[in-house]
Protein backbone atom coordinates (compact mmCIF):
# COMPACT_ATOMS: atom_id res chain seq x y z
CA MET A 1 33.40 -27.57 -14.20
CA PRO A 2 32.65 -27.95 -18.15
CA LEU A 3 29.00 -28.78 -18.54
CA LYS A 4 27.82 -32.88 -18.99
CA ILE A 5 25.23 -31.96 -22.48
CA THR A 6 22.87 -35.38 -23.17
CA HIS A 7 20.00 -35.95 -25.81
CA ARG A 8 17.16 -37.72 -24.01
CA ASN A 9 13.89 -38.54 -25.63
CA GLU A 10 10.90 -36.41 -24.62
CA ASP A 11 9.12 -38.90 -22.62
CA GLU A 12 11.85 -39.65 -20.68
CA VAL A 13 11.98 -36.34 -18.84
CA PRO A 14 9.33 -34.34 -16.52
CA ALA A 15 7.06 -32.61 -18.64
CA PHE A 16 7.60 -28.64 -17.93
CA VAL A 17 5.08 -26.70 -16.10
CA GLY A 18 7.00 -23.59 -14.74
CA CYS A 19 5.13 -21.16 -16.43
CA ARG A 20 1.59 -22.63 -15.72
CA ARG A 21 1.32 -21.09 -12.57
CA VAL A 22 2.22 -17.71 -14.09
CA GLN A 23 -0.12 -18.09 -16.71
CA GLU A 24 -3.50 -18.80 -14.14
CA ASP A 25 -2.43 -15.85 -12.17
CA LEU A 26 -2.12 -13.49 -15.17
CA GLU A 27 -5.66 -14.63 -16.42
CA ALA A 28 -6.98 -14.12 -13.01
CA LEU A 29 -5.27 -10.63 -12.65
CA LYS A 30 -6.82 -9.66 -16.07
CA SER A 31 -9.92 -10.49 -15.17
CA GLU A 32 -9.78 -8.96 -12.18
CA MET A 33 -8.81 -5.70 -13.97
CA ARG A 34 -11.67 -5.90 -16.62
CA ARG A 35 -14.16 -6.14 -13.85
CA LEU A 36 -12.52 -3.05 -11.78
CA ALA A 37 -15.34 -0.38 -10.82
CA PRO A 38 -14.77 3.05 -11.40
CA GLY A 39 -12.99 4.53 -8.37
CA MET A 40 -11.49 1.24 -6.91
CA VAL A 41 -8.40 0.33 -6.35
CA LEU A 42 -7.19 -3.28 -6.82
CA GLN A 43 -5.53 -4.79 -3.44
CA ILE A 44 -3.33 -8.17 -4.01
CA GLU A 45 -1.80 -9.71 -0.79
CA THR A 46 2.01 -11.28 -1.62
CA ASP A 47 3.81 -13.80 0.36
CA GLY A 48 7.20 -11.31 0.80
CA PRO A 49 9.33 -8.93 -0.77
CA LYS A 50 10.15 -11.13 -3.33
CA ALA A 51 6.57 -11.97 -4.39
CA VAL A 52 5.56 -7.75 -4.96
CA ARG A 53 8.33 -7.35 -7.36
CA SER A 54 6.52 -10.32 -8.92
CA ALA A 55 2.72 -9.19 -8.31
CA LYS A 56 4.07 -5.45 -9.74
CA MET A 57 5.25 -7.00 -12.85
CA LEU A 58 2.45 -9.53 -13.45
CA VAL A 59 0.27 -6.01 -13.20
CA SER A 60 2.26 -4.28 -15.65
CA ARG A 61 2.20 -7.33 -18.36
CA ALA A 62 -1.81 -7.70 -17.38
CA ALA A 63 -2.35 -3.77 -18.44
CA LYS A 64 -0.01 -4.23 -21.83
CA GLN A 65 -2.14 -6.99 -22.76
CA LEU A 66 -5.60 -4.92 -22.17
CA ASP A 67 -3.85 -2.08 -23.86
CA GLY A 68 -4.22 -0.01 -20.65
CA ARG A 69 -2.01 2.10 -18.10
CA TRP A 70 -2.24 1.42 -14.96
CA GLN A 71 -0.44 2.94 -11.63
CA HIS A 72 0.61 0.32 -9.18
CA TRP A 73 2.61 0.52 -5.52
CA ASN A 74 3.20 -1.83 -2.80
CA VAL A 75 2.90 -0.99 1.03
CA GLY A 76 4.76 -3.59 2.98
CA THR A 77 3.64 -6.55 0.91
CA THR A 78 0.20 -5.44 -0.30
CA VAL A 79 0.83 -4.26 -3.59
CA PHE A 80 -1.90 -1.60 -5.11
CA ALA A 81 -3.31 -1.07 -8.83
CA LYS A 82 -5.69 1.38 -10.33
CA PRO A 83 -6.13 2.51 -14.05
CA ALA A 84 -3.65 5.22 -14.49
CA GLU A 85 -5.16 8.75 -15.15
CA ALA A 86 -5.09 9.82 -18.91
CA VAL A 87 -2.18 11.68 -19.66
CA ARG A 88 -2.62 15.86 -19.73
CA ARG A 89 -1.33 17.42 -23.17
CA ARG A 90 -0.52 20.75 -22.97
CA ALA A 91 -2.15 23.20 -25.12
CA GLY A 92 -0.49 25.53 -27.30
CA ARG A 93 1.96 26.05 -29.86
CA PRO A 94 5.08 23.70 -30.03
CA ARG A 95 8.27 24.35 -28.96
CA LYS A 96 10.50 25.70 -31.37
CA THR A 97 14.08 24.23 -31.20
CA THR A 98 17.23 26.20 -31.91
CA THR A 99 19.62 25.04 -34.72
CA ALA A 100 23.04 26.32 -34.99
């Protein structure tokens, strides 16, 4: 079935409101992430299995915007998130690579 494409005046079509809710959720999550006390974990209740994936994506996006690393996991439909521990680097000499 070919696509039927027409041009409409902007006033004649419904306004786009799709991402407003995502932005509100993202800002609320970033606010909670900023206020999280040391040793505490965020607990996010979701509606179902599909919402778990969305919540984890929001945690990742918020952490990236806050320039931090966060761990997130779920148990059933509940998502948990906490700041990731600092990556420990092994001290010592760098490994030698062999070239043929």
